[in-house]
Protein backbone atom coordinates (compact mmCIF):
# COMPACT_ATOMS: atom_id res chain seq x y z
CA UNK A 1 -77.03 -6.40 -11.14
CA UNK A 2 -79.75 -8.09 -9.15
CA UNK A 3 -79.59 -11.47 -7.45
CA UNK A 4 -82.64 -13.42 -8.45
CA UNK A 5 -83.97 -16.90 -7.70
CA UNK A 6 -85.51 -17.28 -11.14
CA UNK A 7 -82.28 -18.85 -12.37
CA UNK A 8 -83.25 -21.93 -10.35
CA UNK A 9 -86.63 -22.27 -12.04
CA UNK A 10 -87.20 -24.95 -14.65
CA UNK A 11 -89.42 -24.03 -17.55
CA UNK A 12 -92.59 -26.13 -17.13
CA UNK A 13 -93.25 -26.05 -20.86
CA UNK A 14 -89.99 -27.96 -21.51
CA UNK A 15 -90.94 -30.62 -18.98
CA UNK A 16 -94.42 -30.93 -20.49
CA UNK A 17 -92.97 -31.19 -24.00
CA UNK A 18 -90.49 -33.89 -22.96
CA UNK A 19 -93.28 -35.82 -21.27
CA UNK A 20 -95.58 -35.48 -24.27
CA UNK A 21 -92.86 -36.70 -26.65
CA UNK A 22 -92.13 -39.61 -24.33
CA UNK A 23 -95.79 -40.64 -24.24
CA UNK A 24 -96.08 -40.22 -28.01
CA UNK A 25 -93.06 -42.47 -28.60
CA UNK A 26 -94.51 -45.19 -26.37
CA UNK A 27 -97.88 -44.89 -28.14
CA UNK A 28 -96.12 -45.42 -31.47
CA UNK A 29 -94.50 -48.61 -30.15
CA UNK A 30 -97.84 -49.83 -28.78
CA UNK A 31 -99.63 -49.12 -32.07
CA UNK A 32 -96.91 -50.84 -34.07
CA UNK A 33 -97.14 -53.93 -31.86
CA UNK A 34 -100.93 -54.01 -32.26
CA UNK A 35 -100.65 -53.67 -36.04
CA UNK A 36 -98.02 -56.40 -36.13
CA UNK A 37 -100.21 -58.74 -34.09
CA UNK A 38 -103.20 -58.09 -36.37
CA UNK A 39 -101.10 -58.67 -39.50
CA UNK A 40 -99.83 -61.98 -38.15
CA UNK A 41 -103.37 -63.36 -37.83
CA UNK A 42 -103.75 -63.59 -41.58
CA UNK A 43 -100.18 -64.12 -42.79
CA UNK A 44 -97.21 -66.17 -41.66
CA UNK A 45 -94.17 -63.95 -41.02
CA UNK A 46 -90.54 -64.92 -40.55
CA UNK A 47 -89.57 -61.95 -38.41
CA UNK A 48 -89.70 -61.67 -34.64
CA UNK A 49 -93.01 -60.34 -33.29
CA UNK A 50 -92.94 -56.63 -32.55
CA UNK A 51 -93.60 -57.01 -28.81
CA UNK A 52 -90.49 -59.25 -28.57
CA UNK A 53 -88.36 -57.00 -30.76
CA UNK A 54 -89.25 -54.00 -28.60
CA UNK A 55 -88.28 -55.52 -25.25
CA UNK A 56 -85.00 -53.54 -25.08
CA UNK A 57 -86.76 -50.30 -26.03
CA UNK A 58 -89.43 -50.83 -23.37
CA UNK A 59 -86.77 -51.48 -20.73
CA UNK A 60 -84.90 -48.33 -21.75
CA UNK A 61 -88.17 -46.40 -21.51
CA UNK A 62 -88.74 -47.65 -17.96
CA UNK A 63 -85.21 -46.66 -16.93
CA UNK A 64 -85.57 -43.26 -18.61
CA UNK A 65 -88.92 -42.63 -16.92
CA UNK A 66 -87.40 -43.56 -13.56
CA UNK A 67 -84.44 -41.24 -14.09
CA UNK A 68 -86.78 -38.37 -15.04
CA UNK A 69 -88.93 -38.95 -11.96
CA UNK A 70 -85.87 -38.98 -9.69
CA UNK A 71 -84.51 -35.83 -11.35
CA UNK A 72 -87.84 -34.04 -10.94
CA UNK A 73 -87.93 -34.94 -7.24
CA UNK A 74 -84.35 -33.73 -6.83
CA UNK A 75 -85.12 -30.48 -8.66
CA UNK A 76 -88.12 -29.86 -6.43
CA UNK A 77 -86.03 -30.50 -3.31
CA UNK A 78 -83.41 -27.98 -4.50
CA UNK A 79 -86.13 -25.41 -5.28
CA UNK A 80 -87.62 -25.82 -1.83
CA UNK A 81 -84.22 -25.44 -0.15
CA UNK A 82 -83.43 -22.36 -2.25
CA UNK A 83 -86.80 -20.80 -1.38
CA UNK A 84 -86.10 -21.52 2.29
CA UNK A 85 -82.52 -20.21 2.34
CA UNK A 86 -82.36 -17.61 -0.46
CA UNK A 87 -82.55 -14.55 1.78
CA UNK A 88 -79.90 -15.89 4.17
CA UNK A 89 -77.56 -16.80 1.31
CA UNK A 90 -77.91 -13.32 -0.18
CA UNK A 91 -77.20 -11.73 3.19
CA UNK A 92 -74.15 -13.94 3.77
CA UNK A 93 -72.69 -13.19 0.33
CA UNK A 94 -73.75 -9.54 0.12
CA UNK A 95 -70.34 -8.05 1.00
CA UNK A 96 -68.49 -10.37 -1.38
CA UNK A 97 -70.82 -9.65 -4.30
CA UNK A 98 -70.79 -5.93 -3.61
CA UNK A 99 -66.98 -5.82 -3.51
CA UNK A 100 -66.65 -7.85 -6.73
CA UNK A 101 -68.97 -5.65 -8.73
CA UNK A 102 -68.32 -2.38 -6.88
CA UNK A 103 -71.85 -1.24 -7.40
CA UNK A 104 -74.99 -0.93 -5.43
CA UNK A 105 -77.27 -3.93 -5.61
CA UNK A 106 -80.95 -3.69 -4.85
CA UNK A 107 -82.88 -6.60 -3.46
């Protein structure tokens, strides 16, 4: 067994994928609102305009984006603290880990 800090790493490709999907979803809403506005110029419609119908979705998007930004900042803070204290934590827990697994552990 080897203690390793890689368990605290977040896969950047997952973050990039989430961000790309988020941007794509917002682009779809924007395009739909533009198409709706263009369609309304030539025809009278009884339904609510797209930009009004999407108000709740846009607000949810803003909250979601804020939560993701806060989580990313928190993750980075934890990574920095782990990088700073990893060696000390391993040294402090060395005897406990060694006695639990009764084996030699290389660092």
